[in-house]
Amino acid sequence: MAKLKVLKATQDHFEEMTSIDHSITSIYAYRLQTDLDVQNSTFSFQRVKLPREAHLSYMRDKDSLLKSWDEASLIYVGELDEVVVGYVVIDSKTLPNTARVSDLAVIPELRQKGIGRTLLAVVENWTMENNLERVLIETPMRNYPMVELALHCGYELCGFLDQYFPNGDPALFYQKRLS
């Protein structure tokens, strides 16, 4: 296999990026369990095996992707043989001292081959070069493969928000402190 080349994305890459199949399949998901009473609130996330493989659409449509890309601080694309096989979107304007990964996508046939890990490593290098303190990944709670990638790369769960994404999905937030 050819070596992955990571470049700063330009408008010329956008068409290839939108053509990536952003959907996922998984036999696992996370379930939020809450225990609320007058004095205490407890939240926990439990990994559950689904009764059958679930096919999940991406939480953003093409228009919201394009809008977020126009507002992004930086986008990197991963190319093999001059074909875009993945990308990562970084926002460093929203949260103080934070590089927020709002989108990370890899073409389905090359998932779990190290491309996502490589793109996250590039984000971490960019974060340190820009004197930011942490990388924050946002992912839908149902996106088990992304959660596993974040955990595998040393990220820790740091929060969640219900109905965060345009499609109403709740978000899990994972962070890695770099300073």
C-alpha atoms as a PDB file:
ATOM      1  CA  MET A   1       0.000   0.000   0.000  1.00  0.00           C
ATOM      2  CA  ALA A   2       1.175   3.517  -0.785  1.00  0.00           C
ATOM      3  CA  LYS A   3       2.257   5.848   1.995  1.00  0.00           C
ATOM      4  CA  LEU A   4      -0.393   8.209   3.379  1.00  0.00           C
ATOM      5  CA  LYS A   5       0.283  11.833   2.462  1.00  0.00           C
ATOM      6  CA  VAL A   6      -1.318  14.429   4.769  1.00  0.00           C
ATOM      7  CA  LEU A   7      -1.933  17.887   3.312  1.00  0.00           C
ATOM      8  CA  LYS A   8      -3.781  21.042   4.226  1.00  0.00           C
ATOM      9  CA  ALA A   9      -7.122  20.842   2.462  1.00  0.00           C
ATOM     10  CA  THR A  10      -8.161  23.366  -0.149  1.00  0.00           C
ATOM     11  CA  GLN A  11     -11.499  24.039  -1.822  1.00  0.00           C
ATOM     12  CA  ASP A  12     -10.332  21.658  -4.545  1.00  0.00           C
ATOM     13  CA  HIS A  13     -10.553  18.764  -2.054  1.00  0.00           C
ATOM     14  CA  PHE A  14     -14.115  19.493  -0.901  1.00  0.00           C
ATOM     15  CA  GLU A  15     -15.869  17.494  -3.617  1.00  0.00           C
ATOM     16  CA  GLU A  16     -13.823  14.379  -2.838  1.00  0.00           C
ATOM     17  CA  MET A  17     -14.371  14.922   0.890  1.00  0.00           C
ATOM     18  CA  THR A  18     -18.158  15.123   0.513  1.00  0.00           C
ATOM     19  CA  SER A  19     -18.164  11.967  -1.612  1.00  0.00           C
ATOM     20  CA  ILE A  20     -16.715   9.906   1.268  1.00  0.00           C
ATOM     21  CA  ASP A  21     -19.250   7.518   2.783  1.00  0.00           C
ATOM     22  CA  HIS A  22     -19.465   9.008   6.281  1.00  0.00           C
ATOM     23  CA  SER A  23     -21.850   6.374   7.626  1.00  0.00           C
ATOM     24  CA  ILE A  24     -20.745   3.647  10.015  1.00  0.00           C
ATOM     25  CA  THR A  25     -21.789   0.177  10.977  1.00  0.00           C
ATOM     26  CA  SER A  26     -21.359  -1.256  14.435  1.00  0.00           C
ATOM     27  CA  ILE A  27     -22.543  -4.064  16.647  1.00  0.00           C
ATOM     28  CA  TYR A  28     -21.914  -1.938  19.761  1.00  0.00           C
ATOM     29  CA  ALA A  29     -23.209   1.370  21.060  1.00  0.00           C
ATOM     30  CA  TYR A  30     -23.170   3.329  24.300  1.00  0.00           C
ATOM     31  CA  ARG A  31     -26.167   3.763  26.544  1.00  0.00           C
ATOM     32  CA  LEU A  32     -26.466   6.688  28.925  1.00  0.00           C
ATOM     33  CA  GLN A  33     -27.738   5.688  32.346  1.00  0.00           C
ATOM     34  CA  THR A  34     -28.907   8.407  34.706  1.00  0.00           C
ATOM     35  CA  ASP A  35     -29.723   8.335  38.389  1.00  0.00           C
ATOM     36  CA  LEU A  36     -31.301  11.613  39.446  1.00  0.00           C
ATOM     37  CA  ASP A  37     -32.577  12.527  42.873  1.00  0.00           C
ATOM     38  CA  VAL A  38     -32.969  15.741  44.832  1.00  0.00           C
ATOM     39  CA  GLN A  39     -29.348  15.962  45.989  1.00  0.00           C
ATOM     40  CA  ASN A  40     -27.342  13.919  43.483  1.00  0.00           C
ATOM     41  CA  SER A  41     -27.101  13.252  39.797  1.00  0.00           C
ATOM     42  CA  THR A  42     -25.126  10.336  38.424  1.00  0.00           C
ATOM     43  CA  PHE A  43     -24.445   9.664  34.768  1.00  0.00           C
ATOM     44  CA  SER A  44     -22.674   6.647  33.358  1.00  0.00           C
ATOM     45  CA  PHE A  45     -22.060   5.261  29.904  1.00  0.00           C
ATOM     46  CA  GLN A  46     -22.340   1.559  29.344  1.00  0.00           C
ATOM     47  CA  ARG A  47     -21.171  -0.268  26.247  1.00  0.00           C
ATOM     48  CA  VAL A  48     -23.930  -2.524  24.976  1.00  0.00           C
ATOM     49  CA  LYS A  49     -23.946  -5.132  22.248  1.00  0.00           C
ATOM     50  CA  LEU A  50     -26.719  -4.503  19.753  1.00  0.00           C
ATOM     51  CA  PRO A  51     -29.020  -7.332  18.691  1.00  0.00           C
ATOM     52  CA  ARG A  52     -27.888  -6.832  15.090  1.00  0.00           C
ATOM     53  CA  GLU A  53     -25.422  -4.663  13.219  1.00  0.00           C
ATOM     54  CA  ALA A  54     -26.589  -1.058  13.070  1.00  0.00           C
ATOM     55  CA  HIS A  55     -25.998   1.210  10.096  1.00  0.00           C
ATOM     56  CA  LEU A  56     -25.789   4.850  11.181  1.00  0.00           C
ATOM     57  CA  SER A  57     -25.907   7.877   8.930  1.00  0.00           C
ATOM     58  CA  TYR A  58     -23.513  10.741   9.547  1.00  0.00           C
ATOM     59  CA  MET A  59     -24.824  13.449  11.852  1.00  0.00           C
ATOM     60  CA  ARG A  60     -24.251  16.281   9.375  1.00  0.00           C
ATOM     61  CA  ASP A  61     -25.584  16.637   5.846  1.00  0.00           C
ATOM     62  CA  LYS A  62     -23.538  18.018   2.943  1.00  0.00           C
ATOM     63  CA  ASP A  63     -24.676  21.631   3.486  1.00  0.00           C
ATOM     64  CA  SER A  64     -23.766  21.669   7.184  1.00  0.00           C
ATOM     65  CA  LEU A  65     -20.424  20.013   6.402  1.00  0.00           C
ATOM     66  CA  LEU A  66     -19.577  22.666   3.805  1.00  0.00           C
ATOM     67  CA  LYS A  67     -20.618  25.450   6.188  1.00  0.00           C
ATOM     68  CA  SER A  68     -18.466  24.036   8.997  1.00  0.00           C
ATOM     69  CA  TRP A  69     -15.511  23.670   6.626  1.00  0.00           C
ATOM     70  CA  ASP A  70     -15.749  27.344   5.664  1.00  0.00           C
ATOM     71  CA  GLU A  71     -15.604  28.257   9.376  1.00  0.00           C
ATOM     72  CA  ALA A  72     -12.845  25.778  10.310  1.00  0.00           C
ATOM     73  CA  SER A  73      -9.426  26.848  11.503  1.00  0.00           C
ATOM     74  CA  LEU A  74      -7.792  24.140   9.414  1.00  0.00           C
ATOM     75  CA  ILE A  75      -8.642  20.954   7.551  1.00  0.00           C
ATOM     76  CA  TYR A  76      -6.201  18.190   6.759  1.00  0.00           C
ATOM     77  CA  VAL A  77      -6.777  15.543   4.098  1.00  0.00           C
ATOM     78  CA  GLY A  78      -5.086  12.176   3.872  1.00  0.00           C
ATOM     79  CA  GLU A  79      -4.268  11.031   0.344  1.00  0.00           C
ATOM     80  CA  LEU A  80      -3.160   7.742  -1.117  1.00  0.00           C
ATOM     81  CA  ASP A  81      -2.047   7.937  -4.745  1.00  0.00           C
ATOM     82  CA  GLU A  82      -3.512  11.462  -4.935  1.00  0.00           C
ATOM     83  CA  VAL A  83      -6.983  10.248  -3.903  1.00  0.00           C
ATOM     84  CA  VAL A  84      -8.547  11.662  -0.710  1.00  0.00           C
ATOM     85  CA  VAL A  85      -9.123   8.755   1.683  1.00  0.00           C
ATOM     86  CA  GLY A  86      -9.824  10.739   4.848  1.00  0.00           C
ATOM     87  CA  TYR A  87      -9.922  14.132   6.456  1.00  0.00           C
ATOM     88  CA  VAL A  88     -10.042  15.883   9.810  1.00  0.00           C
ATOM     89  CA  VAL A  89     -11.560  19.288  10.603  1.00  0.00           C
ATOM     90  CA  ILE A  90     -10.047  21.496  13.332  1.00  0.00           C
ATOM     91  CA  ASP A  91     -11.689  24.451  15.070  1.00  0.00           C
ATOM     92  CA  SER A  92      -9.462  26.455  17.402  1.00  0.00           C
ATOM     93  CA  LYS A  93     -11.694  29.539  17.644  1.00  0.00           C
ATOM     94  CA  THR A  94     -14.610  28.264  19.725  1.00  0.00           C
ATOM     95  CA  LEU A  95     -12.981  27.082  22.969  1.00  0.00           C
ATOM     96  CA  PRO A  96      -9.987  28.703  24.678  1.00  0.00           C
ATOM     97  CA  ASN A  97      -6.641  26.935  24.211  1.00  0.00           C
ATOM     98  CA  THR A  98      -8.381  24.030  22.495  1.00  0.00           C
ATOM     99  CA  ALA A  99      -8.200  22.406  19.090  1.00  0.00           C
ATOM    100  CA  ARG A 100     -11.657  20.885  18.592  1.00  0.00           C
ATOM    101  CA  VAL A 101     -11.992  18.005  16.135  1.00  0.00           C
ATOM    102  CA  SER A 102     -15.480  18.407  14.722  1.00  0.00           C
ATOM    103  CA  ASP A 103     -15.209  15.864  11.897  1.00  0.00           C
ATOM    104  CA  LEU A 104     -12.927  12.957  11.150  1.00  0.00           C
ATOM    105  CA  ALA A 105     -13.814  10.655   8.267  1.00  0.00           C
ATOM    106  CA  VAL A 106     -12.040   7.802   6.502  1.00  0.00           C
ATOM    107  CA  ILE A 107     -13.358   5.869   3.514  1.00  0.00           C
ATOM    108  CA  PRO A 108     -14.972   2.619   4.728  1.00  0.00           C
ATOM    109  CA  GLU A 109     -12.616   0.212   2.969  1.00  0.00           C
ATOM    110  CA  LEU A 110      -9.570   1.766   4.692  1.00  0.00           C
ATOM    111  CA  ARG A 111     -10.966   2.131   8.224  1.00  0.00           C
ATOM    112  CA  GLN A 112      -8.962   0.489  11.006  1.00  0.00           C
ATOM    113  CA  LYS A 113      -5.771   0.773   8.938  1.00  0.00           C
ATOM    114  CA  GLY A 114      -4.183   3.635  10.933  1.00  0.00           C
ATOM    115  CA  ILE A 115      -5.432   6.566   8.847  1.00  0.00           C
ATOM    116  CA  GLY A 116      -7.623   7.980  11.630  1.00  0.00           C
ATOM    117  CA  ARG A 117      -4.772   7.616  14.144  1.00  0.00           C
ATOM    118  CA  THR A 118      -2.408   9.386  11.732  1.00  0.00           C
ATOM    119  CA  LEU A 119      -4.847  12.262  11.207  1.00  0.00           C
ATOM    120  CA  LEU A 120      -5.291  12.644  14.984  1.00  0.00           C
ATOM    121  CA  ALA A 121      -1.496  12.672  15.421  1.00  0.00           C
ATOM    122  CA  VAL A 122      -1.266  15.491  12.865  1.00  0.00           C
ATOM    123  CA  VAL A 123      -3.922  17.421  14.826  1.00  0.00           C
ATOM    124  CA  GLU A 124      -1.946  16.899  18.037  1.00  0.00           C
ATOM    125  CA  ASN A 125       1.260  18.179  16.391  1.00  0.00           C
ATOM    126  CA  TRP A 126      -0.587  21.220  15.019  1.00  0.00           C
ATOM    127  CA  THR A 127      -2.085  21.848  18.477  1.00  0.00           C
ATOM    128  CA  MET A 128       1.358  21.863  20.125  1.00  0.00           C
ATOM    129  CA  GLU A 129       2.878  24.025  17.372  1.00  0.00           C
ATOM    130  CA  ASN A 130       0.113  26.571  17.992  1.00  0.00           C
ATOM    131  CA  ASN A 131       0.641  26.540  21.770  1.00  0.00           C
ATOM    132  CA  LEU A 132      -2.807  25.149  22.500  1.00  0.00           C
ATOM    133  CA  GLU A 133      -3.334  23.012  25.588  1.00  0.00           C
ATOM    134  CA  ARG A 134      -5.645  20.230  24.468  1.00  0.00           C
ATOM    135  CA  VAL A 135      -7.415  18.429  21.655  1.00  0.00           C
ATOM    136  CA  LEU A 136     -11.145  17.868  22.084  1.00  0.00           C
ATOM    137  CA  ILE A 137     -13.000  15.310  19.974  1.00  0.00           C
ATOM    138  CA  GLU A 138     -16.767  15.483  19.600  1.00  0.00           C
ATOM    139  CA  THR A 139     -18.550  12.353  18.455  1.00  0.00           C
ATOM    140  CA  PRO A 140     -22.097  11.039  18.457  1.00  0.00           C
ATOM    141  CA  MET A 141     -22.723   8.654  21.330  1.00  0.00           C
ATOM    142  CA  ARG A 142     -23.765   5.965  18.828  1.00  0.00           C
ATOM    143  CA  ASN A 143     -20.448   6.163  16.935  1.00  0.00           C
ATOM    144  CA  TYR A 144     -18.748   3.295  18.737  1.00  0.00           C
ATOM    145  CA  PRO A 145     -15.816   3.050  16.263  1.00  0.00           C
ATOM    146  CA  MET A 146     -14.889   6.718  16.874  1.00  0.00           C
ATOM    147  CA  VAL A 147     -15.129   6.261  20.634  1.00  0.00           C
ATOM    148  CA  GLU A 148     -12.783   3.280  20.372  1.00  0.00           C
ATOM    149  CA  LEU A 149     -10.351   5.316  18.234  1.00  0.00           C
ATOM    150  CA  ALA A 150     -10.338   8.147  20.776  1.00  0.00           C
ATOM    151  CA  LEU A 151      -9.699   5.763  23.677  1.00  0.00           C
ATOM    152  CA  HIS A 152      -7.004   3.894  21.714  1.00  0.00           C
ATOM    153  CA  CYS A 153      -5.220   7.216  21.072  1.00  0.00           C
ATOM    154  CA  GLY A 154      -5.195   8.154  24.769  1.00  0.00           C
ATOM    155  CA  TYR A 155      -8.209  10.464  24.950  1.00  0.00           C
ATOM    156  CA  GLU A 156     -10.408  10.577  28.038  1.00  0.00           C
ATOM    157  CA  LEU A 157     -14.141  11.157  28.299  1.00  0.00           C
ATOM    158  CA  CYS A 158     -14.716  14.687  29.579  1.00  0.00           C
ATOM    159  CA  GLY A 159     -18.400  15.352  28.957  1.00  0.00           C
ATOM    160  CA  PHE A 160     -21.562  14.881  26.982  1.00  0.00           C
ATOM    161  CA  LEU A 161     -24.378  17.025  25.642  1.00  0.00           C
ATOM    162  CA  ASP A 162     -27.843  15.825  24.673  1.00  0.00           C
ATOM    163  CA  GLN A 163     -29.226  16.743  21.230  1.00  0.00           C
ATOM    164  CA  TYR A 164     -25.938  18.358  20.209  1.00  0.00           C
ATOM    165  CA  PHE A 165     -25.753  17.442  16.527  1.00  0.00           C
ATOM    166  CA  PRO A 166     -28.043  18.780  13.761  1.00  0.00           C
ATOM    167  CA  ASN A 167     -29.770  15.372  13.594  1.00  0.00           C
ATOM    168  CA  GLY A 168     -30.533  15.447  17.344  1.00  0.00           C
ATOM    169  CA  ASP A 169     -27.896  12.898  18.386  1.00  0.00           C
ATOM    170  CA  PRO A 170     -26.199  13.394  21.757  1.00  0.00           C
ATOM    171  CA  ALA A 171     -22.449  14.048  21.739  1.00  0.00           C
ATOM    172  CA  LEU A 172     -19.653  12.563  23.771  1.00  0.00           C
ATOM    173  CA  PHE A 173     -16.536  14.690  24.240  1.00  0.00           C
ATOM    174  CA  TYR A 174     -13.056  13.227  24.612  1.00  0.00           C
ATOM    175  CA  GLN A 175      -9.953  15.249  25.389  1.00  0.00           C
ATOM    176  CA  LYS A 176      -6.217  14.857  25.447  1.00  0.00           C
ATOM    177  CA  ARG A 177      -4.167  17.434  27.321  1.00  0.00           C
ATOM    178  CA  LEU A 178      -0.888  18.137  25.561  1.00  0.00           C
ATOM    179  CA  SER A 179       0.746  20.678  27.857  1.00  0.00           C
END
